[in-house]
Amino acid sequence: VHDTVGIDLVAMCVNDILATGAEPLFFLDYVAVGKLDAEAMAKIVGGIGEGCRQSGCALIGGEMAEHPGVMNPNDYDLAGFVVGVVDRPKMIGPHLVHEGDVILGLSSSGIHSNGYSLVRKVAIEGKTVEELERPLPELGGESLADAVMRPTTIYADGLVRALKAGVPIHAMAHITGGGITENLNRALPAGVNAEVDLGTWPIPSVVRFACEQANLSEAEALKTFNMGLGMVLIVDPAAAEAVEAALAAAGEETYRVGRIVAG
């Protein structure tokens, strides 16, 4: 599947800059390949373009390099970067967070772009294509192939609209490698802790399946996968309902998952 990995590439860049309150403007990509396959490359670049459309930013260029003898013919490596803009006085982050703030979680579409080394090891390796494409009851009738290949959610549409409307979001954390446990800390100033209530949001079946296959403890799972939350917002308690309403209008599912406490 070549036409969705570009969405993941854009998502990882765009979701990161959203955490500063920035609006993504433009994106550039770099593709290194062992041997150029025009059909596969068109799908890859098409996926990057789709990610940019979802983000509301422009794909303004890129670079492609063929590396025969260095990379295997069917291998390719994608890199990219995004430029965004935010007025410095409107930047969000730990400096706005204080005790009593509410933590909101935005649903992930599944594994997103972190934890794949483990997923491949415990759930993919050694299986035939037929096994990977077979519907599984533990995945709600979806195949493992479809479940693990679902692209990362790009949160730009709803969050940029909310920020432009002046919705008082204090800080955000993009939940990537290290899970909620490690990424939420980036949004906190000294003197406070985040208290997260497990069980206040649904865990995607593919994430649950991967955790079970890997025999992960709860603490290990929380440090490996996003566990169903791709982005976490910290907001003023008086504005929590307004933030939820603004994001619901943009089609985002939100959950109240905790609070900021002293510590």
C-alpha atoms as a PDB file:
ATOM      1  CA  VAL A   1       0.000   0.000   0.000  1.00  0.00           C
ATOM      2  CA  HIS A   2       1.836   3.078  -1.250  1.00  0.00           C
ATOM      3  CA  ASP A   3      -0.882   5.732  -1.374  1.00  0.00           C
ATOM      4  CA  THR A   4      -1.390   6.381   2.350  1.00  0.00           C
ATOM      5  CA  VAL A   5       2.119   6.477   3.844  1.00  0.00           C
ATOM      6  CA  GLY A   6       2.479  10.053   2.577  1.00  0.00           C
ATOM      7  CA  ILE A   7      -0.494  11.040   4.740  1.00  0.00           C
ATOM      8  CA  ASP A   8       1.396   9.702   7.769  1.00  0.00           C
ATOM      9  CA  LEU A   9       4.476  11.694   6.768  1.00  0.00           C
ATOM     10  CA  VAL A  10       2.525  14.960   6.574  1.00  0.00           C
ATOM     11  CA  ALA A  11       0.560  14.176   9.737  1.00  0.00           C
ATOM     12  CA  MET A  12       3.643  13.724  11.894  1.00  0.00           C
ATOM     13  CA  CYS A  13       4.971  17.120  10.821  1.00  0.00           C
ATOM     14  CA  VAL A  14       1.701  19.063  10.863  1.00  0.00           C
ATOM     15  CA  ASN A  15       0.398  17.697  14.168  1.00  0.00           C
ATOM     16  CA  ASP A  16       3.717  18.651  15.796  1.00  0.00           C
ATOM     17  CA  ILE A  17       3.542  22.311  14.767  1.00  0.00           C
ATOM     18  CA  LEU A  18      -0.138  22.526  15.729  1.00  0.00           C
ATOM     19  CA  ALA A  19       1.047  22.089  19.316  1.00  0.00           C
ATOM     20  CA  THR A  20       2.499  25.618  19.192  1.00  0.00           C
ATOM     21  CA  GLY A  21      -0.750  27.073  17.836  1.00  0.00           C
ATOM     22  CA  ALA A  22       0.697  27.396  14.321  1.00  0.00           C
ATOM     23  CA  GLU A  23      -1.217  27.136  11.057  1.00  0.00           C
ATOM     24  CA  PRO A  24       0.591  24.956   8.493  1.00  0.00           C
ATOM     25  CA  LEU A  25       1.523  26.872   5.329  1.00  0.00           C
ATOM     26  CA  PHE A  26       3.635  24.649   3.081  1.00  0.00           C
ATOM     27  CA  PHE A  27       5.283  21.251   2.942  1.00  0.00           C
ATOM     28  CA  LEU A  28       8.314  19.816   1.141  1.00  0.00           C
ATOM     29  CA  ASP A  29       9.248  16.164   0.790  1.00  0.00           C
ATOM     30  CA  TYR A  30      12.341  14.079   0.083  1.00  0.00           C
ATOM     31  CA  VAL A  31      12.070  10.538  -1.291  1.00  0.00           C
ATOM     32  CA  ALA A  32      15.041   8.173  -1.477  1.00  0.00           C
ATOM     33  CA  VAL A  33      14.481   4.967  -3.473  1.00  0.00           C
ATOM     34  CA  GLY A  34      16.522   1.903  -4.380  1.00  0.00           C
ATOM     35  CA  LYS A  35      15.082   1.804  -7.900  1.00  0.00           C
ATOM     36  CA  LEU A  36      12.539   4.223  -9.296  1.00  0.00           C
ATOM     37  CA  ASP A  37       9.107   2.704  -9.933  1.00  0.00           C
ATOM     38  CA  ALA A  38       6.998   5.395 -11.606  1.00  0.00           C
ATOM     39  CA  GLU A  39       3.648   3.858 -10.640  1.00  0.00           C
ATOM     40  CA  ALA A  40       4.544   3.393  -6.967  1.00  0.00           C
ATOM     41  CA  MET A  41       6.123   6.859  -6.841  1.00  0.00           C
ATOM     42  CA  ALA A  42       2.955   8.464  -8.226  1.00  0.00           C
ATOM     43  CA  LYS A  43       0.980   6.807  -5.407  1.00  0.00           C
ATOM     44  CA  ILE A  44       3.488   7.892  -2.749  1.00  0.00           C
ATOM     45  CA  VAL A  45       3.486  11.528  -3.898  1.00  0.00           C
ATOM     46  CA  GLY A  46      -0.304  11.370  -4.258  1.00  0.00           C
ATOM     47  CA  GLY A  47      -0.538  10.393  -0.581  1.00  0.00           C
ATOM     48  CA  ILE A  48       1.685  13.315   0.406  1.00  0.00           C
ATOM     49  CA  GLY A  49      -0.604  15.592  -1.626  1.00  0.00           C
ATOM     50  CA  GLU A  50      -3.668  14.171   0.137  1.00  0.00           C
ATOM     51  CA  GLY A  51      -2.029  14.815   3.521  1.00  0.00           C
ATOM     52  CA  CYS A  52      -1.408  18.417   2.488  1.00  0.00           C
ATOM     53  CA  ARG A  53      -5.040  18.796   1.379  1.00  0.00           C
ATOM     54  CA  GLN A  54      -6.219  17.515   4.765  1.00  0.00           C
ATOM     55  CA  SER A  55      -3.824  19.955   6.468  1.00  0.00           C
ATOM     56  CA  GLY A  56      -4.782  22.983   4.392  1.00  0.00           C
ATOM     57  CA  CYS A  57      -1.166  23.544   3.366  1.00  0.00           C
ATOM     58  CA  ALA A  58       0.574  23.638  -0.023  1.00  0.00           C
ATOM     59  CA  LEU A  59       2.972  21.003  -1.366  1.00  0.00           C
ATOM     60  CA  ILE A  60       5.455  23.368  -2.999  1.00  0.00           C
ATOM     61  CA  GLY A  61       8.208  21.001  -4.064  1.00  0.00           C
ATOM     62  CA  GLY A  62      10.376  18.048  -3.220  1.00  0.00           C
ATOM     63  CA  GLU A  63      13.400  15.980  -4.089  1.00  0.00           C
ATOM     64  CA  MET A  64      13.740  12.421  -5.324  1.00  0.00           C
ATOM     65  CA  ALA A  65      16.991  10.449  -5.235  1.00  0.00           C
ATOM     66  CA  GLU A  66      17.695   6.978  -6.617  1.00  0.00           C
ATOM     67  CA  HIS A  67      20.276   4.932  -4.656  1.00  0.00           C
ATOM     68  CA  PRO A  68      21.017   1.695  -6.520  1.00  0.00           C
ATOM     69  CA  GLY A  69      23.514  -0.492  -4.655  1.00  0.00           C
ATOM     70  CA  VAL A  70      22.859   1.380  -1.405  1.00  0.00           C
ATOM     71  CA  MET A  71      19.158   0.572  -0.932  1.00  0.00           C
ATOM     72  CA  ASN A  72      17.250  -2.535  -2.012  1.00  0.00           C
ATOM     73  CA  PRO A  73      15.291  -1.941  -5.265  1.00  0.00           C
ATOM     74  CA  ASN A  74      11.883  -2.023  -3.514  1.00  0.00           C
ATOM     75  CA  ASP A  75      12.900   0.091  -0.504  1.00  0.00           C
ATOM     76  CA  TYR A  76      12.147   3.764  -0.128  1.00  0.00           C
ATOM     77  CA  ASP A  77      12.588   6.313   2.635  1.00  0.00           C
ATOM     78  CA  LEU A  78      10.433   9.411   3.060  1.00  0.00           C
ATOM     79  CA  ALA A  79      11.296  12.618   4.866  1.00  0.00           C
ATOM     80  CA  GLY A  80       9.483  15.918   4.955  1.00  0.00           C
ATOM     81  CA  PHE A  81       9.071  19.191   6.752  1.00  0.00           C
ATOM     82  CA  VAL A  82       6.359  21.743   7.176  1.00  0.00           C
ATOM     83  CA  VAL A  83       6.495  25.487   7.732  1.00  0.00           C
ATOM     84  CA  GLY A  84       3.734  27.108   9.742  1.00  0.00           C
ATOM     85  CA  VAL A  85       2.994  30.542  11.124  1.00  0.00           C
ATOM     86  CA  VAL A  86       1.697  31.863  14.432  1.00  0.00           C
ATOM     87  CA  ASP A  87       1.781  35.346  15.949  1.00  0.00           C
ATOM     88  CA  ARG A  88       4.176  35.127  18.884  1.00  0.00           C
ATOM     89  CA  PRO A  89       1.633  36.586  21.374  1.00  0.00           C
ATOM     90  CA  LYS A  90      -0.819  33.869  20.288  1.00  0.00           C
ATOM     91  CA  MET A  91       1.575  30.957  20.744  1.00  0.00           C
ATOM     92  CA  ILE A  92       0.251  28.313  23.098  1.00  0.00           C
ATOM     93  CA  GLY A  93       2.293  26.122  25.410  1.00  0.00           C
ATOM     94  CA  PRO A  94       3.255  25.356  29.015  1.00  0.00           C
ATOM     95  CA  HIS A  95       3.452  29.057  29.933  1.00  0.00           C
ATOM     96  CA  LEU A  96      -0.382  29.246  29.762  1.00  0.00           C
ATOM     97  CA  VAL A  97      -1.117  26.061  31.747  1.00  0.00           C
ATOM     98  CA  HIS A  98      -2.154  26.246  35.385  1.00  0.00           C
ATOM     99  CA  GLU A  99      -3.681  24.094  38.108  1.00  0.00           C
ATOM    100  CA  GLY A 100      -7.380  23.359  37.518  1.00  0.00           C
ATOM    101  CA  ASP A 101      -7.177  23.251  33.722  1.00  0.00           C
ATOM    102  CA  VAL A 102      -9.132  20.491  31.967  1.00  0.00           C
ATOM    103  CA  ILE A 103      -7.471  17.859  29.757  1.00  0.00           C
ATOM    104  CA  LEU A 104      -9.326  16.956  26.555  1.00  0.00           C
ATOM    105  CA  GLY A 105      -8.353  14.043  24.325  1.00  0.00           C
ATOM    106  CA  LEU A 106      -8.942  13.839  20.563  1.00  0.00           C
ATOM    107  CA  SER A 107      -9.566  10.390  19.108  1.00  0.00           C
ATOM    108  CA  SER A 108      -6.853   8.641  17.132  1.00  0.00           C
ATOM    109  CA  SER A 109      -7.649   6.534  14.073  1.00  0.00           C
ATOM    110  CA  GLY A 110      -5.570   3.657  15.416  1.00  0.00           C
ATOM    111  CA  ILE A 111      -1.835   3.098  15.768  1.00  0.00           C
ATOM    112  CA  HIS A 112      -0.909   6.303  13.900  1.00  0.00           C
ATOM    113  CA  SER A 113       2.852   6.328  13.217  1.00  0.00           C
ATOM    114  CA  ASN A 114       4.397   4.899  16.374  1.00  0.00           C
ATOM    115  CA  GLY A 115       4.843   1.382  17.691  1.00  0.00           C
ATOM    116  CA  TYR A 116       5.198  -0.308  14.298  1.00  0.00           C
ATOM    117  CA  SER A 117       8.471  -2.093  15.119  1.00  0.00           C
ATOM    118  CA  LEU A 118       6.645  -3.903  17.906  1.00  0.00           C
ATOM    119  CA  VAL A 119       3.478  -4.481  15.847  1.00  0.00           C
ATOM    120  CA  ARG A 120       5.510  -6.017  13.017  1.00  0.00           C
ATOM    121  CA  LYS A 121       7.339  -8.286  15.446  1.00  0.00           C
ATOM    122  CA  VAL A 122       4.308  -9.605  17.336  1.00  0.00           C
ATOM    123  CA  ALA A 123       1.503  -9.465  14.765  1.00  0.00           C
ATOM    124  CA  ILE A 124       2.851  -9.272  11.202  1.00  0.00           C
ATOM    125  CA  GLU A 125       6.066 -11.252  10.759  1.00  0.00           C
ATOM    126  CA  GLY A 126       5.616 -14.832   9.596  1.00  0.00           C
ATOM    127  CA  LYS A 127       2.046 -14.329   8.403  1.00  0.00           C
ATOM    128  CA  THR A 128       0.925 -14.818   4.818  1.00  0.00           C
ATOM    129  CA  VAL A 129      -0.894 -12.123   2.844  1.00  0.00           C
ATOM    130  CA  GLU A 130      -4.068 -14.235   3.145  1.00  0.00           C
ATOM    131  CA  GLU A 131      -3.742 -14.300   6.948  1.00  0.00           C
ATOM    132  CA  LEU A 132      -3.172 -10.541   7.106  1.00  0.00           C
ATOM    133  CA  GLU A 133      -6.213  -9.849   4.909  1.00  0.00           C
ATOM    134  CA  ARG A 134      -8.559 -12.194   6.771  1.00  0.00           C
ATOM    135  CA  PRO A 135     -11.328 -10.426   8.777  1.00  0.00           C
ATOM    136  CA  LEU A 136     -10.748 -10.826  12.520  1.00  0.00           C
ATOM    137  CA  PRO A 137     -13.576 -10.737  15.102  1.00  0.00           C
ATOM    138  CA  GLU A 138     -11.243  -9.072  17.645  1.00  0.00           C
ATOM    139  CA  LEU A 139     -10.847  -6.211  15.153  1.00  0.00           C
ATOM    140  CA  GLY A 140     -14.594  -5.871  14.612  1.00  0.00           C
ATOM    141  CA  GLY A 141     -14.462  -7.822  11.359  1.00  0.00           C
ATOM    142  CA  GLU A 142     -11.636  -5.717   9.915  1.00  0.00           C
ATOM    143  CA  SER A 143      -8.456  -7.346   8.623  1.00  0.00           C
ATOM    144  CA  LEU A 144      -5.138  -6.795  10.383  1.00  0.00           C
ATOM    145  CA  ALA A 145      -3.708  -5.340   7.165  1.00  0.00           C
ATOM    146  CA  ASP A 146      -6.429  -2.689   6.951  1.00  0.00           C
ATOM    147  CA  ALA A 147      -6.327  -1.916  10.680  1.00  0.00           C
ATOM    148  CA  VAL A 148      -2.578  -1.311  10.893  1.00  0.00           C
ATOM    149  CA  MET A 149      -2.404   0.623   7.608  1.00  0.00           C
ATOM    150  CA  ARG A 150      -5.055   3.197   8.537  1.00  0.00           C
ATOM    151  CA  PRO A 151      -3.379   6.610   8.186  1.00  0.00           C
ATOM    152  CA  THR A 152      -2.607   8.969  11.044  1.00  0.00           C
ATOM    153  CA  THR A 153      -5.347  11.512  11.783  1.00  0.00           C
ATOM    154  CA  ILE A 154      -4.436  15.066  10.820  1.00  0.00           C
ATOM    155  CA  TYR A 155      -5.990  17.485  13.330  1.00  0.00           C
ATOM    156  CA  ALA A 156      -5.302  20.741  11.480  1.00  0.00           C
ATOM    157  CA  ASP A 157      -8.794  21.504  10.202  1.00  0.00           C
ATOM    158  CA  GLY A 158     -10.602  21.578  13.542  1.00  0.00           C
ATOM    159  CA  LEU A 159      -7.748  22.942  15.644  1.00  0.00           C
ATOM    160  CA  VAL A 160      -6.746  25.767  13.277  1.00  0.00           C
ATOM    161  CA  ARG A 161     -10.390  26.831  13.005  1.00  0.00           C
ATOM    162  CA  ALA A 162     -10.774  26.760  16.790  1.00  0.00           C
ATOM    163  CA  LEU A 163      -7.581  28.751  17.370  1.00  0.00           C
ATOM    164  CA  LYS A 164      -8.530  31.356  14.740  1.00  0.00           C
ATOM    165  CA  ALA A 165     -11.897  31.747  16.438  1.00  0.00           C
ATOM    166  CA  GLY A 166     -10.081  32.571  19.670  1.00  0.00           C
ATOM    167  CA  VAL A 167     -11.064  29.401  21.524  1.00  0.00           C
ATOM    168  CA  PRO A 168      -8.864  29.455  24.671  1.00  0.00           C
ATOM    169  CA  ILE A 169      -6.667  26.377  24.285  1.00  0.00           C
ATOM    170  CA  HIS A 170      -3.696  26.687  26.647  1.00  0.00           C
ATOM    171  CA  ALA A 171      -1.468  23.902  25.336  1.00  0.00           C
ATOM    172  CA  MET A 172      -1.436  20.758  23.196  1.00  0.00           C
ATOM    173  CA  ALA A 173       0.545  17.544  23.082  1.00  0.00           C
ATOM    174  CA  HIS A 174       0.819  15.406  19.948  1.00  0.00           C
ATOM    175  CA  ILE A 175       0.786  11.821  21.249  1.00  0.00           C
ATOM    176  CA  THR A 176       3.565  10.035  19.355  1.00  0.00           C
ATOM    177  CA  GLY A 177       6.385   7.706  20.453  1.00  0.00           C
ATOM    178  CA  GLY A 178       6.387   7.485  24.250  1.00  0.00           C
ATOM    179  CA  GLY A 179       2.598   7.663  24.401  1.00  0.00           C
ATOM    180  CA  ILE A 180       0.557   9.868  26.708  1.00  0.00           C
ATOM    181  CA  THR A 181       2.965   9.239  29.580  1.00  0.00           C
ATOM    182  CA  GLU A 182       5.913  11.007  27.979  1.00  0.00           C
ATOM    183  CA  ASN A 183       4.366  13.404  25.460  1.00  0.00           C
ATOM    184  CA  LEU A 184       1.907  15.149  27.768  1.00  0.00           C
ATOM    185  CA  ASN A 185       4.821  16.233  29.970  1.00  0.00           C
ATOM    186  CA  ARG A 186       6.012  18.519  27.166  1.00  0.00           C
ATOM    187  CA  ALA A 187       2.901  20.656  27.618  1.00  0.00           C
ATOM    188  CA  LEU A 188       3.352  21.128  31.379  1.00  0.00           C
ATOM    189  CA  PRO A 189       5.199  23.870  33.263  1.00  0.00           C
ATOM    190  CA  ALA A 190       7.074  23.231  36.493  1.00  0.00           C
ATOM    191  CA  GLY A 191       4.863  22.860  39.558  1.00  0.00           C
ATOM    192  CA  VAL A 192       1.963  20.928  38.058  1.00  0.00           C
ATOM    193  CA  ASN A 193       1.131  17.374  37.044  1.00  0.00           C
ATOM    194  CA  ALA A 194      -1.394  15.936  34.611  1.00  0.00           C
ATOM    195  CA  GLU A 195      -3.907  13.567  36.211  1.00  0.00           C
ATOM    196  CA  VAL A 196      -5.365  11.348  33.472  1.00  0.00           C
ATOM    197  CA  ASP A 197      -8.353   9.072  34.113  1.00  0.00           C
ATOM    198  CA  LEU A 198      -7.897   5.826  32.211  1.00  0.00           C
ATOM    199  CA  GLY A 199     -11.131   4.430  30.841  1.00  0.00           C
ATOM    200  CA  THR A 200     -12.681   7.790  29.965  1.00  0.00           C
ATOM    201  CA  TRP A 201     -12.106   7.229  26.227  1.00  0.00           C
ATOM    202  CA  PRO A 202     -12.347   4.196  23.907  1.00  0.00           C
ATOM    203  CA  ILE A 203      -9.190   2.297  22.950  1.00  0.00           C
ATOM    204  CA  PRO A 204      -9.164   1.290  19.245  1.00  0.00           C
ATOM    205  CA  SER A 205      -9.437  -2.462  18.765  1.00  0.00           C
ATOM    206  CA  VAL A 206      -6.185  -2.597  16.763  1.00  0.00           C
ATOM    207  CA  VAL A 207      -4.279  -0.968  19.638  1.00  0.00           C
ATOM    208  CA  ARG A 208      -5.854  -3.353  22.155  1.00  0.00           C
ATOM    209  CA  PHE A 209      -4.995  -6.282  19.852  1.00  0.00           C
ATOM    210  CA  ALA A 210      -1.348  -5.184  19.544  1.00  0.00           C
ATOM    211  CA  CYS A 211      -1.014  -4.788  23.320  1.00  0.00           C
ATOM    212  CA  GLU A 212      -2.428  -8.267  23.897  1.00  0.00           C
ATOM    213  CA  GLN A 213      -0.177  -9.845  21.238  1.00  0.00           C
ATOM    214  CA  ALA A 214       2.861  -8.196  22.828  1.00  0.00           C
ATOM    215  CA  ASN A 215       1.791  -9.029  26.408  1.00  0.00           C
ATOM    216  CA  LEU A 216       2.274  -5.414  27.464  1.00  0.00           C
ATOM    217  CA  SER A 217       1.485  -4.225  30.962  1.00  0.00           C
ATOM    218  CA  GLU A 218      -0.702  -1.124  31.262  1.00  0.00           C
ATOM    219  CA  ALA A 219       2.364   1.046  31.968  1.00  0.00           C
ATOM    220  CA  GLU A 220       4.254  -0.393  28.973  1.00  0.00           C
ATOM    221  CA  ALA A 221       1.236   0.091  26.698  1.00  0.00           C
ATOM    222  CA  LEU A 222       0.876   3.734  27.729  1.00  0.00           C
ATOM    223  CA  LYS A 223       4.542   4.372  26.840  1.00  0.00           C
ATOM    224  CA  THR A 224       4.333   2.581  23.468  1.00  0.00           C
ATOM    225  CA  PHE A 225       1.020   3.468  21.799  1.00  0.00           C
ATOM    226  CA  ASN A 226      -1.296   6.488  21.753  1.00  0.00           C
ATOM    227  CA  MET A 227      -4.003   4.216  23.273  1.00  0.00           C
ATOM    228  CA  GLY A 228      -6.744   5.991  21.322  1.00  0.00           C
ATOM    229  CA  LEU A 229      -5.780   9.641  21.818  1.00  0.00           C
ATOM    230  CA  GLY A 230      -3.790  11.243  19.003  1.00  0.00           C
ATOM    231  CA  MET A 231      -3.785  14.770  20.404  1.00  0.00           C
ATOM    232  CA  VAL A 232      -4.326  16.044  23.942  1.00  0.00           C
ATOM    233  CA  LEU A 233      -5.447  19.604  24.711  1.00  0.00           C
ATOM    234  CA  ILE A 234      -5.189  21.532  27.969  1.00  0.00           C
ATOM    235  CA  VAL A 235      -7.906  24.164  28.290  1.00  0.00           C
ATOM    236  CA  ASP A 236      -9.351  26.610  30.778  1.00  0.00           C
ATOM    237  CA  PRO A 237     -12.147  24.839  32.730  1.00  0.00           C
ATOM    238  CA  ALA A 238     -14.570  27.695  32.012  1.00  0.00           C
ATOM    239  CA  ALA A 239     -13.961  27.254  28.287  1.00  0.00           C
ATOM    240  CA  ALA A 240     -13.979  23.441  28.088  1.00  0.00           C
ATOM    241  CA  GLU A 241     -17.527  23.276  26.699  1.00  0.00           C
ATOM    242  CA  ALA A 242     -16.785  25.931  24.078  1.00  0.00           C
ATOM    243  CA  VAL A 243     -13.675  24.038  22.953  1.00  0.00           C
ATOM    244  CA  GLU A 244     -15.642  20.776  22.764  1.00  0.00           C
ATOM    245  CA  ALA A 245     -18.397  22.461  20.737  1.00  0.00           C
ATOM    246  CA  ALA A 246     -15.923  24.088  18.321  1.00  0.00           C
ATOM    247  CA  LEU A 247     -14.155  20.778  17.701  1.00  0.00           C
ATOM    248  CA  ALA A 248     -17.417  18.842  17.385  1.00  0.00           C
ATOM    249  CA  ALA A 249     -18.484  21.304  14.689  1.00  0.00           C
ATOM    250  CA  ALA A 250     -15.261  20.422  12.839  1.00  0.00           C
ATOM    251  CA  GLY A 251     -16.014  16.712  13.166  1.00  0.00           C
ATOM    252  CA  GLU A 252     -13.527  15.913  15.939  1.00  0.00           C
ATOM    253  CA  GLU A 253     -14.444  13.489  18.732  1.00  0.00           C
ATOM    254  CA  THR A 254     -13.277  14.772  22.108  1.00  0.00           C
ATOM    255  CA  TYR A 255     -13.239  13.261  25.584  1.00  0.00           C
ATOM    256  CA  ARG A 256     -12.655  14.824  28.984  1.00  0.00           C
ATOM    257  CA  VAL A 257      -9.794  12.687  30.206  1.00  0.00           C
ATOM    258  CA  GLY A 258      -8.341  14.493  33.207  1.00  0.00           C
ATOM    259  CA  ARG A 259      -7.182  17.663  34.875  1.00  0.00           C
ATOM    260  CA  ILE A 260      -4.094  19.616  35.832  1.00  0.00           C
ATOM    261  CA  VAL A 261      -3.161  19.329  39.510  1.00  0.00           C
ATOM    262  CA  ALA A 262      -0.418  20.735  41.708  1.00  0.00           C
ATOM    263  CA  GLY A 263       2.745  18.640  41.874  1.00  0.00           C
END
